[in-house]
Amino acid sequence: MSGAKSSWPELVGILATLAATQIAHDRPDVAVEVLPPGAPLPPGYNAERVRVFIDNSGIVSQTPVIG
């Protein structure tokens, strides 16, 4: 998907459920992973994945990006 969205800085500070819904709407071709603090991260880049890092309140804490 050339020219497709690859990062979502506007989602920092909102609920993870809303962020995941927006990412899935923008990029239905990728899998969304919501990760709480301290979650183990498998190494490696995956062009079909977006990781959403959240805080203990379920709020997005970092810009979600493809990878």
PDB file of N, CA and C in Angstrom:
ATOM      1  N   MET A   1       0.836  -1.182   0.000  1.00  0.00           N
ATOM      2  CA  MET A   1       0.000   0.000   0.000  1.00  0.00           C
ATOM      3  C   MET A   1       0.880   1.243   0.000  1.00  0.00           C
ATOM      4  N   SER A   2       1.379   1.591  -1.121  1.00  0.00           N
ATOM      5  CA  SER A   2       2.235   2.752  -1.237  1.00  0.00           C
ATOM      6  C   SER A   2       1.461   4.010  -0.846  1.00  0.00           C
ATOM      7  N   GLY A   3       2.084   4.857  -0.032  1.00  0.00           N
ATOM      8  CA  GLY A   3       1.443   6.080   0.409  1.00  0.00           C
ATOM      9  C   GLY A   3       0.471   5.883   1.554  1.00  0.00           C
ATOM     10  N   ALA A   4       0.358   4.675   2.058  1.00  0.00           N
ATOM     11  CA  ALA A   4      -0.557   4.392   3.165  1.00  0.00           C
ATOM     12  C   ALA A   4       0.021   4.942   4.468  1.00  0.00           C
ATOM     13  N   LYS A   5      -0.852   5.231   5.389  1.00  0.00           N
ATOM     14  CA  LYS A   5      -0.449   5.765   6.685  1.00  0.00           C
ATOM     15  C   LYS A   5       0.426   4.759   7.432  1.00  0.00           C
ATOM     16  N   SER A   6       1.491   5.254   8.091  1.00  0.00           N
ATOM     17  CA  SER A   6       2.402   4.357   8.803  1.00  0.00           C
ATOM     18  C   SER A   6       2.650   4.759  10.249  1.00  0.00           C
ATOM     19  N   SER A   7       2.116   5.902  10.680  1.00  0.00           N
ATOM     20  CA  SER A   7       2.223   6.299  12.084  1.00  0.00           C
ATOM     21  C   SER A   7       0.999   7.132  12.458  1.00  0.00           C
ATOM     22  N   TRP A   8       0.692   7.136  13.766  1.00  0.00           N
ATOM     23  CA  TRP A   8      -0.513   7.784  14.264  1.00  0.00           C
ATOM     24  C   TRP A   8      -0.200   8.623  15.499  1.00  0.00           C
ATOM     25  N   PRO A   9       0.551   9.721  15.355  1.00  0.00           N
ATOM     26  CA  PRO A   9       0.896  10.540  16.522  1.00  0.00           C
ATOM     27  C   PRO A   9      -0.326  11.167  17.191  1.00  0.00           C
ATOM     28  N   GLU A  10      -1.380  11.345  16.437  1.00  0.00           N
ATOM     29  CA  GLU A  10      -2.590  11.967  16.980  1.00  0.00           C
ATOM     30  C   GLU A  10      -3.317  11.073  17.992  1.00  0.00           C
ATOM     31  N   LEU A  11      -2.910   9.808  18.085  1.00  0.00           N
ATOM     32  CA  LEU A  11      -3.574   8.875  18.996  1.00  0.00           C
ATOM     33  C   LEU A  11      -2.950   8.830  20.391  1.00  0.00           C
ATOM     34  N   VAL A  12      -1.799   9.459  20.575  1.00  0.00           N
ATOM     35  CA  VAL A  12      -1.173   9.496  21.898  1.00  0.00           C
ATOM     36  C   VAL A  12      -2.103  10.254  22.844  1.00  0.00           C
ATOM     37  N   GLY A  13      -2.387   9.632  23.990  1.00  0.00           N
ATOM     38  CA  GLY A  13      -3.228  10.274  24.994  1.00  0.00           C
ATOM     39  C   GLY A  13      -4.684   9.838  24.970  1.00  0.00           C
ATOM     40  N   ILE A  14      -5.066   8.966  24.020  1.00  0.00           N
ATOM     41  CA  ILE A  14      -6.451   8.503  23.986  1.00  0.00           C
ATOM     42  C   ILE A  14      -6.522   7.037  24.410  1.00  0.00           C
ATOM     43  N   LEU A  15      -7.741   6.558  24.654  1.00  0.00           N
ATOM     44  CA  LEU A  15      -7.931   5.165  25.051  1.00  0.00           C
ATOM     45  C   LEU A  15      -7.466   4.205  23.969  1.00  0.00           C
ATOM     46  N   ALA A  16      -6.859   3.107  24.404  1.00  0.00           N
ATOM     47  CA  ALA A  16      -6.324   2.111  23.468  1.00  0.00           C
ATOM     48  C   ALA A  16      -7.401   1.546  22.553  1.00  0.00           C
ATOM     49  N   THR A  17      -8.597   1.339  23.061  1.00  0.00           N
ATOM     50  CA  THR A  17      -9.666   0.778  22.225  1.00  0.00           C
ATOM     51  C   THR A  17     -10.004   1.709  21.073  1.00  0.00           C
ATOM     52  N   LEU A  18     -10.041   3.005  21.353  1.00  0.00           N
ATOM     53  CA  LEU A  18     -10.314   3.978  20.289  1.00  0.00           C
ATOM     54  C   LEU A  18      -9.155   4.038  19.300  1.00  0.00           C
ATOM     55  N   ALA A  19      -7.939   3.960  19.805  1.00  0.00           N
ATOM     56  CA  ALA A  19      -6.760   3.985  18.941  1.00  0.00           C
ATOM     57  C   ALA A  19      -6.746   2.776  18.015  1.00  0.00           C
ATOM     58  N   ALA A  20      -6.996   1.597  18.567  1.00  0.00           N
ATOM     59  CA  ALA A  20      -6.991   0.374  17.765  1.00  0.00           C
ATOM     60  C   ALA A  20      -8.062   0.430  16.682  1.00  0.00           C
ATOM     61  N   THR A  21      -9.222   0.966  17.019  1.00  0.00           N
ATOM     62  CA  THR A  21     -10.305   1.100  16.041  1.00  0.00           C
ATOM     63  C   THR A  21      -9.901   2.038  14.914  1.00  0.00           C
ATOM     64  N   GLN A  22      -9.260   3.152  15.247  1.00  0.00           N
ATOM     65  CA  GLN A  22      -8.841   4.114  14.226  1.00  0.00           C
ATOM     66  C   GLN A  22      -7.776   3.520  13.312  1.00  0.00           C
ATOM     67  N   ILE A  23      -6.808   2.832  13.896  1.00  0.00           N
ATOM     68  CA  ILE A  23      -5.743   2.215  13.090  1.00  0.00           C
ATOM     69  C   ILE A  23      -6.340   1.175  12.147  1.00  0.00           C
ATOM     70  N   ALA A  24      -7.242   0.342  12.665  1.00  0.00           N
ATOM     71  CA  ALA A  24      -7.878  -0.685  11.834  1.00  0.00           C
ATOM     72  C   ALA A  24      -8.695  -0.057  10.710  1.00  0.00           C
ATOM     73  N   HIS A  25      -9.279   1.092  10.970  1.00  0.00           N
ATOM     74  CA  HIS A  25     -10.026   1.806   9.924  1.00  0.00           C
ATOM     75  C   HIS A  25      -9.082   2.343   8.855  1.00  0.00           C
ATOM     76  N   ASP A  26      -7.986   2.953   9.306  1.00  0.00           N
ATOM     77  CA  ASP A  26      -7.016   3.543   8.377  1.00  0.00           C
ATOM     78  C   ASP A  26      -6.252   2.494   7.592  1.00  0.00           C
ATOM     79  N   ARG A  27      -5.928   1.382   8.262  1.00  0.00           N
ATOM     80  CA  ARG A  27      -5.093   0.329   7.663  1.00  0.00           C
ATOM     81  C   ARG A  27      -5.672  -1.053   7.965  1.00  0.00           C
ATOM     82  N   PRO A  28      -6.727  -1.447   7.275  1.00  0.00           N
ATOM     83  CA  PRO A  28      -7.313  -2.767   7.530  1.00  0.00           C
ATOM     84  C   PRO A  28      -6.379  -3.925   7.183  1.00  0.00           C
ATOM     85  N   ASP A  29      -5.270  -3.623   6.522  1.00  0.00           N
ATOM     86  CA  ASP A  29      -4.312  -4.653   6.109  1.00  0.00           C
ATOM     87  C   ASP A  29      -3.283  -4.988   7.183  1.00  0.00           C
ATOM     88  N   VAL A  30      -3.317  -4.311   8.339  1.00  0.00           N
ATOM     89  CA  VAL A  30      -2.341  -4.591   9.390  1.00  0.00           C
ATOM     90  C   VAL A  30      -3.025  -5.124  10.648  1.00  0.00           C
ATOM     91  N   ALA A  31      -2.263  -5.869  11.445  1.00  0.00           N
ATOM     92  CA  ALA A  31      -2.738  -6.345  12.744  1.00  0.00           C
ATOM     93  C   ALA A  31      -2.343  -5.319  13.805  1.00  0.00           C
ATOM     94  N   VAL A  32      -3.255  -5.043  14.722  1.00  0.00           N
ATOM     95  CA  VAL A  32      -2.995  -4.095  15.800  1.00  0.00           C
ATOM     96  C   VAL A  32      -2.738  -4.884  17.083  1.00  0.00           C
ATOM     97  N   GLU A  33      -1.605  -4.615  17.724  1.00  0.00           N
ATOM     98  CA  GLU A  33      -1.253  -5.241  19.002  1.00  0.00           C
ATOM     99  C   GLU A  33      -1.247  -4.171  20.081  1.00  0.00           C
ATOM    100  N   VAL A  34      -2.080  -4.330  21.095  1.00  0.00           N
ATOM    101  CA  VAL A  34      -2.097  -3.404  22.230  1.00  0.00           C
ATOM    102  C   VAL A  34      -1.245  -4.015  23.332  1.00  0.00           C
ATOM    103  N   LEU A  35      -0.223  -3.277  23.762  1.00  0.00           N
ATOM    104  CA  LEU A  35       0.765  -3.804  24.711  1.00  0.00           C
ATOM    105  C   LEU A  35       0.830  -2.958  25.983  1.00  0.00           C
ATOM    106  N   PRO A  36       0.575  -3.597  27.129  1.00  0.00           N
ATOM    107  CA  PRO A  36       0.681  -2.883  28.408  1.00  0.00           C
ATOM    108  C   PRO A  36       2.140  -2.691  28.809  1.00  0.00           C
ATOM    109  N   PRO A  37       2.377  -1.854  29.827  1.00  0.00           N
ATOM    110  CA  PRO A  37       3.754  -1.639  30.291  1.00  0.00           C
ATOM    111  C   PRO A  37       4.404  -2.964  30.686  1.00  0.00           C
ATOM    112  N   GLY A  38       5.638  -3.158  30.258  1.00  0.00           N
ATOM    113  CA  GLY A  38       6.398  -4.339  30.614  1.00  0.00           C
ATOM    114  C   GLY A  38       6.099  -5.579  29.801  1.00  0.00           C
ATOM    115  N   ALA A  39       5.238  -5.466  28.802  1.00  0.00           N
ATOM    116  CA  ALA A  39       4.912  -6.630  27.975  1.00  0.00           C
ATOM    117  C   ALA A  39       6.154  -7.084  27.213  1.00  0.00           C
ATOM    118  N   PRO A  40       6.365  -8.407  27.089  1.00  0.00           N
ATOM    119  CA  PRO A  40       7.511  -8.894  26.316  1.00  0.00           C
ATOM    120  C   PRO A  40       7.316  -8.585  24.832  1.00  0.00           C
ATOM    121  N   LEU A  41       8.386  -8.180  24.173  1.00  0.00           N
ATOM    122  CA  LEU A  41       8.328  -7.825  22.763  1.00  0.00           C
ATOM    123  C   LEU A  41       9.176  -8.773  21.938  1.00  0.00           C
ATOM    124  N   PRO A  42       8.551  -9.529  21.058  1.00  0.00           N
ATOM    125  CA  PRO A  42       9.353 -10.340  20.148  1.00  0.00           C
ATOM    126  C   PRO A  42      10.168  -9.410  19.243  1.00  0.00           C
ATOM    127  N   PRO A  43      11.409  -9.753  18.971  1.00  0.00           N
ATOM    128  CA  PRO A  43      12.241  -8.888  18.132  1.00  0.00           C
ATOM    129  C   PRO A  43      11.795  -8.934  16.671  1.00  0.00           C
ATOM    130  N   GLY A  44      12.210  -7.930  15.945  1.00  0.00           N
ATOM    131  CA  GLY A  44      11.991  -7.937  14.505  1.00  0.00           C
ATOM    132  C   GLY A  44      10.930  -6.961  14.042  1.00  0.00           C
ATOM    133  N   TYR A  45      11.119  -6.532  12.813  1.00  0.00           N
ATOM    134  CA  TYR A  45      10.196  -5.615  12.143  1.00  0.00           C
ATOM    135  C   TYR A  45       9.143  -6.433  11.409  1.00  0.00           C
ATOM    136  N   ASN A  46       7.906  -5.985  11.460  1.00  0.00           N
ATOM    137  CA  ASN A  46       6.824  -6.644  10.738  1.00  0.00           C
ATOM    138  C   ASN A  46       5.984  -5.562  10.080  1.00  0.00           C
ATOM    139  N   ALA A  47       6.016  -5.483   8.769  1.00  0.00           N
ATOM    140  CA  ALA A  47       5.305  -4.451   8.016  1.00  0.00           C
ATOM    141  C   ALA A  47       3.793  -4.621   8.069  1.00  0.00           C
ATOM    142  N   GLU A  48       3.339  -5.712   8.655  1.00  0.00           N
ATOM    143  CA  GLU A  48       1.895  -5.956   8.758  1.00  0.00           C
ATOM    144  C   GLU A  48       1.413  -5.867  10.208  1.00  0.00           C
ATOM    145  N   ARG A  49       2.151  -5.092  11.037  1.00  0.00           N
ATOM    146  CA  ARG A  49       1.809  -4.969  12.455  1.00  0.00           C
ATOM    147  C   ARG A  49       1.951  -3.519  12.905  1.00  0.00           C
ATOM    148  N   VAL A  50       1.044  -3.121  13.796  1.00  0.00           N
ATOM    149  CA  VAL A  50       1.161  -1.853  14.512  1.00  0.00           C
ATOM    150  C   VAL A  50       1.071  -2.172  15.994  1.00  0.00           C
ATOM    151  N   ARG A  51       2.086  -1.775  16.737  1.00  0.00           N
ATOM    152  CA  ARG A  51       2.071  -1.954  18.188  1.00  0.00           C
ATOM    153  C   ARG A  51       1.583  -0.669  18.841  1.00  0.00           C
ATOM    154  N   VAL A  52       0.628  -0.825  19.755  1.00  0.00           N
ATOM    155  CA  VAL A  52       0.081   0.304  20.496  1.00  0.00           C
ATOM    156  C   VAL A  52       0.501   0.120  21.948  1.00  0.00           C
ATOM    157  N   PHE A  53       1.415   0.959  22.404  1.00  0.00           N
ATOM    158  CA  PHE A  53       1.902   0.891  23.779  1.00  0.00           C
ATOM    159  C   PHE A  53       1.012   1.756  24.665  1.00  0.00           C
ATOM    160  N   ILE A  54       0.549   1.157  25.769  1.00  0.00           N
ATOM    161  CA  ILE A  54      -0.363   1.878  26.658  1.00  0.00           C
ATOM    162  C   ILE A  54       0.217   1.975  28.064  1.00  0.00           C
ATOM    163  N   ASP A  55      -0.365   2.889  28.845  1.00  0.00           N
ATOM    164  CA  ASP A  55       0.013   2.992  30.256  1.00  0.00           C
ATOM    165  C   ASP A  55      -0.936   2.134  31.088  1.00  0.00           C
ATOM    166  N   ASN A  56      -0.808   2.202  32.392  1.00  0.00           N
ATOM    167  CA  ASN A  56      -1.626   1.374  33.278  1.00  0.00           C
ATOM    168  C   ASN A  56      -3.107   1.755  33.272  1.00  0.00           C
ATOM    169  N   SER A  57      -3.440   2.886  32.677  1.00  0.00           N
ATOM    170  CA  SER A  57      -4.835   3.328  32.588  1.00  0.00           C
ATOM    171  C   SER A  57      -5.455   2.999  31.235  1.00  0.00           C
ATOM    172  N   GLY A  58      -4.690   2.331  30.355  1.00  0.00           N
ATOM    173  CA  GLY A  58      -5.213   1.989  29.033  1.00  0.00           C
ATOM    174  C   GLY A  58      -5.142   3.129  28.033  1.00  0.00           C
ATOM    175  N   ILE A  59      -4.277   4.100  28.322  1.00  0.00           N
ATOM    176  CA  ILE A  59      -4.095   5.261  27.446  1.00  0.00           C
ATOM    177  C   ILE A  59      -2.835   5.069  26.597  1.00  0.00           C
ATOM    178  N   VAL A  60      -2.918   5.413  25.325  1.00  0.00           N
ATOM    179  CA  VAL A  60      -1.778   5.291  24.424  1.00  0.00           C
ATOM    180  C   VAL A  60      -0.656   6.198  24.917  1.00  0.00           C
ATOM    181  N   SER A  61       0.537   5.612  25.098  1.00  0.00           N
ATOM    182  CA  SER A  61       1.661   6.353  25.673  1.00  0.00           C
ATOM    183  C   SER A  61       2.771   6.693  24.680  1.00  0.00           C
ATOM    184  N   GLN A  62       2.765   6.041  23.514  1.00  0.00           N
ATOM    185  CA  GLN A  62       3.763   6.307  22.469  1.00  0.00           C
ATOM    186  C   GLN A  62       3.054   6.323  21.123  1.00  0.00           C
ATOM    187  N   THR A  63       3.650   7.000  20.164  1.00  0.00           N
ATOM    188  CA  THR A  63       3.081   7.043  18.821  1.00  0.00           C
ATOM    189  C   THR A  63       3.056   5.640  18.221  1.00  0.00           C
ATOM    190  N   PRO A  64       1.869   5.133  17.866  1.00  0.00           N
ATOM    191  CA  PRO A  64       1.797   3.836  17.180  1.00  0.00           C
ATOM    192  C   PRO A  64       2.398   3.955  15.781  1.00  0.00           C
ATOM    193  N   VAL A  65       3.232   2.968  15.422  1.00  0.00           N
ATOM    194  CA  VAL A  65       3.870   2.953  14.101  1.00  0.00           C
ATOM    195  C   VAL A  65       3.845   1.533  13.527  1.00  0.00           C
ATOM    196  N   ILE A  66       3.946   1.458  12.221  1.00  0.00           N
ATOM    197  CA  ILE A  66       4.075   0.159  11.545  1.00  0.00           C
ATOM    198  C   ILE A  66       5.394  -0.460  11.991  1.00  0.00           C
ATOM    199  N   GLY A  67       5.398  -1.729  12.209  1.00  0.00           N
ATOM    200  CA  GLY A  67       6.644  -2.412  12.527  1.00  0.00           C
ATOM    201  C   GLY A  67       6.476  -3.418  13.588  1.00  0.00           C
TER     202      GLY A  67
END
